[in-house]
Amino acid sequence: MVWGLYAARARQANRPLPASLAAWPKWEMVAAAIAYAVWAAALPASPLGAFSWFNQAAAGVMALIASMLLGVFAPVFASNTLANK
């Protein structure tokens, strides 16, 4: 999904498609996977609720912390984005 959006933006900017692995938006892909996993864990009916170590309130707090940290570190790691060019 992230690659597809990135490729569409590249096409709109008349840039070549990120076909090689080196041109892929790696930070965005990793950040999206982390954000999705944390969001899914924070849902009220999360499958992680079956585990005794899982705490729903902590999952909500982790979603807030992960969102903040991903936003803080995005400018550091996302140097290959189309927005920066």
N, C-alpha and C. Protein backbone atom coordinates (compact mmCIF):
# COMPACT_ATOMS: atom_id res chain seq x y z
N MET A 1 0.82 -1.18 0.00
CA MET A 1 0.00 0.00 0.00
C MET A 1 0.87 1.26 0.00
N VAL A 2 1.86 1.30 0.88
CA VAL A 2 2.73 2.47 0.96
C VAL A 2 3.50 2.63 -0.34
N TRP A 3 4.01 1.52 -0.87
CA TRP A 3 4.76 1.60 -2.13
C TRP A 3 3.86 2.12 -3.23
N GLY A 4 2.63 1.66 -3.28
CA GLY A 4 1.69 2.11 -4.31
C GLY A 4 1.42 3.60 -4.25
N LEU A 5 1.23 4.12 -3.05
CA LEU A 5 1.02 5.55 -2.90
C LEU A 5 2.27 6.33 -3.29
N TYR A 6 3.41 5.82 -2.90
CA TYR A 6 4.68 6.46 -3.24
C TYR A 6 4.88 6.46 -4.76
N ALA A 7 4.57 5.35 -5.40
CA ALA A 7 4.72 5.24 -6.85
C ALA A 7 3.76 6.19 -7.57
N ALA A 8 2.55 6.33 -7.05
CA ALA A 8 1.59 7.25 -7.66
C ALA A 8 2.08 8.69 -7.56
N ARG A 9 2.64 9.05 -6.41
CA ARG A 9 3.19 10.40 -6.25
C ARG A 9 4.40 10.61 -7.15
N ALA A 10 5.21 9.58 -7.32
CA ALA A 10 6.37 9.68 -8.22
C ALA A 10 5.89 9.90 -9.65
N ARG A 11 4.87 9.19 -10.04
CA ARG A 11 4.33 9.32 -11.41
C ARG A 11 3.77 10.73 -11.62
N GLN A 12 3.07 11.27 -10.61
CA GLN A 12 2.52 12.62 -10.73
C GLN A 12 3.62 13.67 -10.82
N ALA A 13 4.75 13.41 -10.17
CA ALA A 13 5.88 14.35 -10.19
C ALA A 13 6.81 14.11 -11.38
N ASN A 14 6.39 13.26 -12.31
CA ASN A 14 7.20 12.91 -13.49
C ASN A 14 8.57 12.36 -13.10
N ARG A 15 8.60 11.57 -12.08
CA ARG A 15 9.83 10.90 -11.64
C ARG A 15 9.70 9.41 -11.97
N PRO A 16 10.83 8.71 -12.06
CA PRO A 16 10.74 7.26 -12.34
C PRO A 16 10.13 6.50 -11.17
N LEU A 17 9.46 5.42 -11.49
CA LEU A 17 8.87 4.58 -10.45
C LEU A 17 9.98 3.96 -9.60
N PRO A 18 9.76 3.81 -8.31
CA PRO A 18 10.76 3.19 -7.43
C PRO A 18 10.76 1.67 -7.62
N ALA A 19 11.32 1.20 -8.71
CA ALA A 19 11.28 -0.22 -9.04
C ALA A 19 12.33 -1.02 -8.28
N SER A 20 13.50 -0.45 -8.08
CA SER A 20 14.55 -1.20 -7.38
C SER A 20 14.37 -1.08 -5.88
N LEU A 21 14.85 -2.06 -5.17
CA LEU A 21 14.73 -2.08 -3.71
C LEU A 21 15.40 -0.86 -3.08
N ALA A 22 16.47 -0.39 -3.67
CA ALA A 22 17.18 0.77 -3.13
C ALA A 22 16.34 2.04 -3.21
N ALA A 23 15.41 2.11 -4.15
CA ALA A 23 14.59 3.30 -4.33
C ALA A 23 13.29 3.26 -3.53
N TRP A 24 13.00 2.15 -2.88
CA TRP A 24 11.76 2.03 -2.13
C TRP A 24 11.76 2.95 -0.92
N PRO A 25 10.60 3.43 -0.51
CA PRO A 25 10.50 4.27 0.68
C PRO A 25 10.53 3.41 1.94
N LYS A 26 11.70 2.95 2.32
CA LYS A 26 11.83 1.98 3.41
C LYS A 26 11.32 2.52 4.74
N TRP A 27 11.69 3.75 5.09
CA TRP A 27 11.25 4.29 6.38
C TRP A 27 9.73 4.36 6.43
N GLU A 28 9.11 4.84 5.36
CA GLU A 28 7.66 4.96 5.33
C GLU A 28 6.99 3.60 5.46
N MET A 29 7.58 2.58 4.85
CA MET A 29 7.01 1.24 4.91
C MET A 29 7.13 0.65 6.32
N VAL A 30 8.27 0.85 6.95
CA VAL A 30 8.47 0.35 8.31
C VAL A 30 7.58 1.12 9.29
N ALA A 31 7.53 2.44 9.14
CA ALA A 31 6.71 3.26 10.02
C ALA A 31 5.23 2.89 9.89
N ALA A 32 4.78 2.62 8.68
CA ALA A 32 3.38 2.24 8.46
C ALA A 32 3.08 0.89 9.12
N ALA A 33 4.00 -0.05 9.03
CA ALA A 33 3.80 -1.36 9.66
C ALA A 33 3.75 -1.24 11.18
N ILE A 34 4.64 -0.43 11.74
CA ILE A 34 4.65 -0.22 13.19
C ILE A 34 3.35 0.46 13.63
N ALA A 35 2.96 1.51 12.92
CA ALA A 35 1.74 2.24 13.28
C ALA A 35 0.51 1.33 13.19
N TYR A 36 0.45 0.49 12.17
CA TYR A 36 -0.69 -0.41 12.03
C TYR A 36 -0.73 -1.44 13.17
N ALA A 37 0.41 -1.99 13.51
CA ALA A 37 0.45 -3.00 14.58
C ALA A 37 0.04 -2.39 15.92
N VAL A 38 0.53 -1.19 16.21
CA VAL A 38 0.18 -0.54 17.48
C VAL A 38 -1.29 -0.17 17.48
N TRP A 39 -1.79 0.34 16.37
CA TRP A 39 -3.21 0.69 16.27
C TRP A 39 -4.09 -0.56 16.46
N ALA A 40 -3.73 -1.65 15.80
CA ALA A 40 -4.52 -2.88 15.91
C ALA A 40 -4.51 -3.41 17.34
N ALA A 41 -3.39 -3.27 18.03
CA ALA A 41 -3.32 -3.73 19.42
C ALA A 41 -4.20 -2.87 20.33
N ALA A 42 -4.38 -1.60 19.98
CA ALA A 42 -5.15 -0.69 20.82
C ALA A 42 -6.66 -0.79 20.59
N LEU A 43 -7.09 -1.54 19.61
CA LEU A 43 -8.53 -1.69 19.37
C LEU A 43 -9.20 -2.40 20.54
N PRO A 44 -10.46 -2.08 20.80
CA PRO A 44 -11.14 -2.70 21.95
C PRO A 44 -11.22 -4.23 21.89
N ALA A 45 -11.40 -4.79 20.72
CA ALA A 45 -11.52 -6.25 20.60
C ALA A 45 -10.24 -6.86 20.04
N SER A 46 -9.11 -6.38 20.48
CA SER A 46 -7.82 -6.86 19.97
C SER A 46 -7.62 -8.33 20.32
N PRO A 47 -7.12 -9.13 19.40
CA PRO A 47 -6.83 -10.53 19.68
C PRO A 47 -5.77 -10.70 20.78
N LEU A 48 -4.99 -9.65 21.02
CA LEU A 48 -3.98 -9.74 22.07
C LEU A 48 -4.61 -9.79 23.46
N GLY A 49 -5.89 -9.46 23.57
CA GLY A 49 -6.60 -9.53 24.84
C GLY A 49 -6.66 -10.94 25.42
N ALA A 50 -6.40 -11.94 24.61
CA ALA A 50 -6.41 -13.32 25.08
C ALA A 50 -5.17 -13.65 25.92
N PHE A 51 -4.16 -12.81 25.84
CA PHE A 51 -2.93 -13.05 26.60
C PHE A 51 -3.00 -12.36 27.95
N SER A 52 -2.50 -13.00 28.97
CA SER A 52 -2.58 -12.45 30.33
C SER A 52 -1.69 -11.22 30.49
N TRP A 53 -0.64 -11.09 29.71
CA TRP A 53 0.28 -9.97 29.84
C TRP A 53 -0.23 -8.70 29.16
N PHE A 54 -1.28 -8.83 28.34
CA PHE A 54 -1.78 -7.69 27.56
C PHE A 54 -2.64 -6.78 28.43
N ASN A 55 -2.42 -5.47 28.31
CA ASN A 55 -3.18 -4.48 29.05
C ASN A 55 -3.75 -3.49 28.03
N GLN A 56 -5.06 -3.40 27.96
CA GLN A 56 -5.73 -2.54 26.97
C GLN A 56 -5.37 -1.07 27.17
N ALA A 57 -5.31 -0.63 28.41
CA ALA A 57 -4.97 0.78 28.68
C ALA A 57 -3.54 1.08 28.23
N ALA A 58 -2.63 0.17 28.49
CA ALA A 58 -1.24 0.37 28.07
C ALA A 58 -1.13 0.40 26.55
N ALA A 59 -1.96 -0.38 25.87
CA ALA A 59 -1.94 -0.38 24.41
C ALA A 59 -2.38 0.98 23.87
N GLY A 60 -3.36 1.60 24.50
CA GLY A 60 -3.79 2.94 24.08
C GLY A 60 -2.70 3.97 24.29
N VAL A 61 -2.01 3.88 25.41
CA VAL A 61 -0.91 4.79 25.68
C VAL A 61 0.23 4.55 24.68
N MET A 62 0.50 3.30 24.37
CA MET A 62 1.54 2.97 23.40
C MET A 62 1.20 3.52 22.02
N ALA A 63 -0.08 3.54 21.67
CA ALA A 63 -0.49 4.11 20.38
C ALA A 63 -0.14 5.60 20.33
N LEU A 64 -0.39 6.30 21.43
CA LEU A 64 -0.05 7.72 21.48
C LEU A 64 1.46 7.93 21.41
N ILE A 65 2.20 7.13 22.15
CA ILE A 65 3.66 7.26 22.17
C ILE A 65 4.25 6.91 20.80
N ALA A 66 3.76 5.83 20.20
CA ALA A 66 4.27 5.43 18.88
C ALA A 66 3.98 6.50 17.83
N SER A 67 2.79 7.08 17.88
CA SER A 67 2.45 8.15 16.93
C SER A 67 3.40 9.33 17.09
N MET A 68 3.67 9.70 18.33
CA MET A 68 4.56 10.82 18.57
C MET A 68 5.98 10.51 18.09
N LEU A 69 6.49 9.33 18.44
CA LEU A 69 7.85 8.98 18.07
C LEU A 69 8.03 8.83 16.57
N LEU A 70 7.06 8.26 15.90
CA LEU A 70 7.15 8.13 14.44
C LEU A 70 7.14 9.51 13.79
N GLY A 71 6.36 10.42 14.33
CA GLY A 71 6.35 11.78 13.80
C GLY A 71 7.64 12.52 14.06
N VAL A 72 8.25 12.27 15.22
CA VAL A 72 9.51 12.94 15.56
C VAL A 72 10.65 12.42 14.69
N PHE A 73 10.70 11.12 14.48
CA PHE A 73 11.81 10.53 13.75
C PHE A 73 11.62 10.54 12.23
N ALA A 74 10.44 10.85 11.74
CA ALA A 74 10.21 10.86 10.30
C ALA A 74 11.16 11.79 9.55
N PRO A 75 11.38 13.02 9.99
CA PRO A 75 12.32 13.88 9.24
C PRO A 75 13.75 13.36 9.25
N VAL A 76 14.11 12.59 10.26
CA VAL A 76 15.47 12.06 10.35
C VAL A 76 15.69 10.94 9.34
N PHE A 77 14.73 10.06 9.22
CA PHE A 77 14.90 8.87 8.39
C PHE A 77 14.31 8.99 7.00
N ALA A 78 13.37 9.88 6.79
CA ALA A 78 12.65 9.98 5.51
C ALA A 78 13.33 10.96 4.57
N SER A 79 14.57 10.76 4.26
CA SER A 79 15.28 11.68 3.38
C SER A 79 15.03 11.38 1.91
N ASN A 80 14.40 10.27 1.60
CA ASN A 80 14.20 9.86 0.21
C ASN A 80 12.77 10.09 -0.27
N THR A 81 11.98 10.90 0.44
CA THR A 81 10.59 11.08 0.07
C THR A 81 10.45 12.10 -1.05
N LEU A 82 9.36 12.03 -1.75
CA LEU A 82 9.10 12.96 -2.83
C LEU A 82 8.82 14.36 -2.30
N ALA A 83 8.30 14.46 -1.08
CA ALA A 83 7.99 15.77 -0.51
C ALA A 83 9.25 16.59 -0.30
N ASN A 84 10.38 15.93 -0.10
CA ASN A 84 11.64 16.63 0.14
C ASN A 84 12.34 17.04 -1.14
N LYS A 85 11.80 16.65 -2.27
CA LYS A 85 12.50 16.92 -3.55
C LYS A 85 11.77 17.97 -4.35
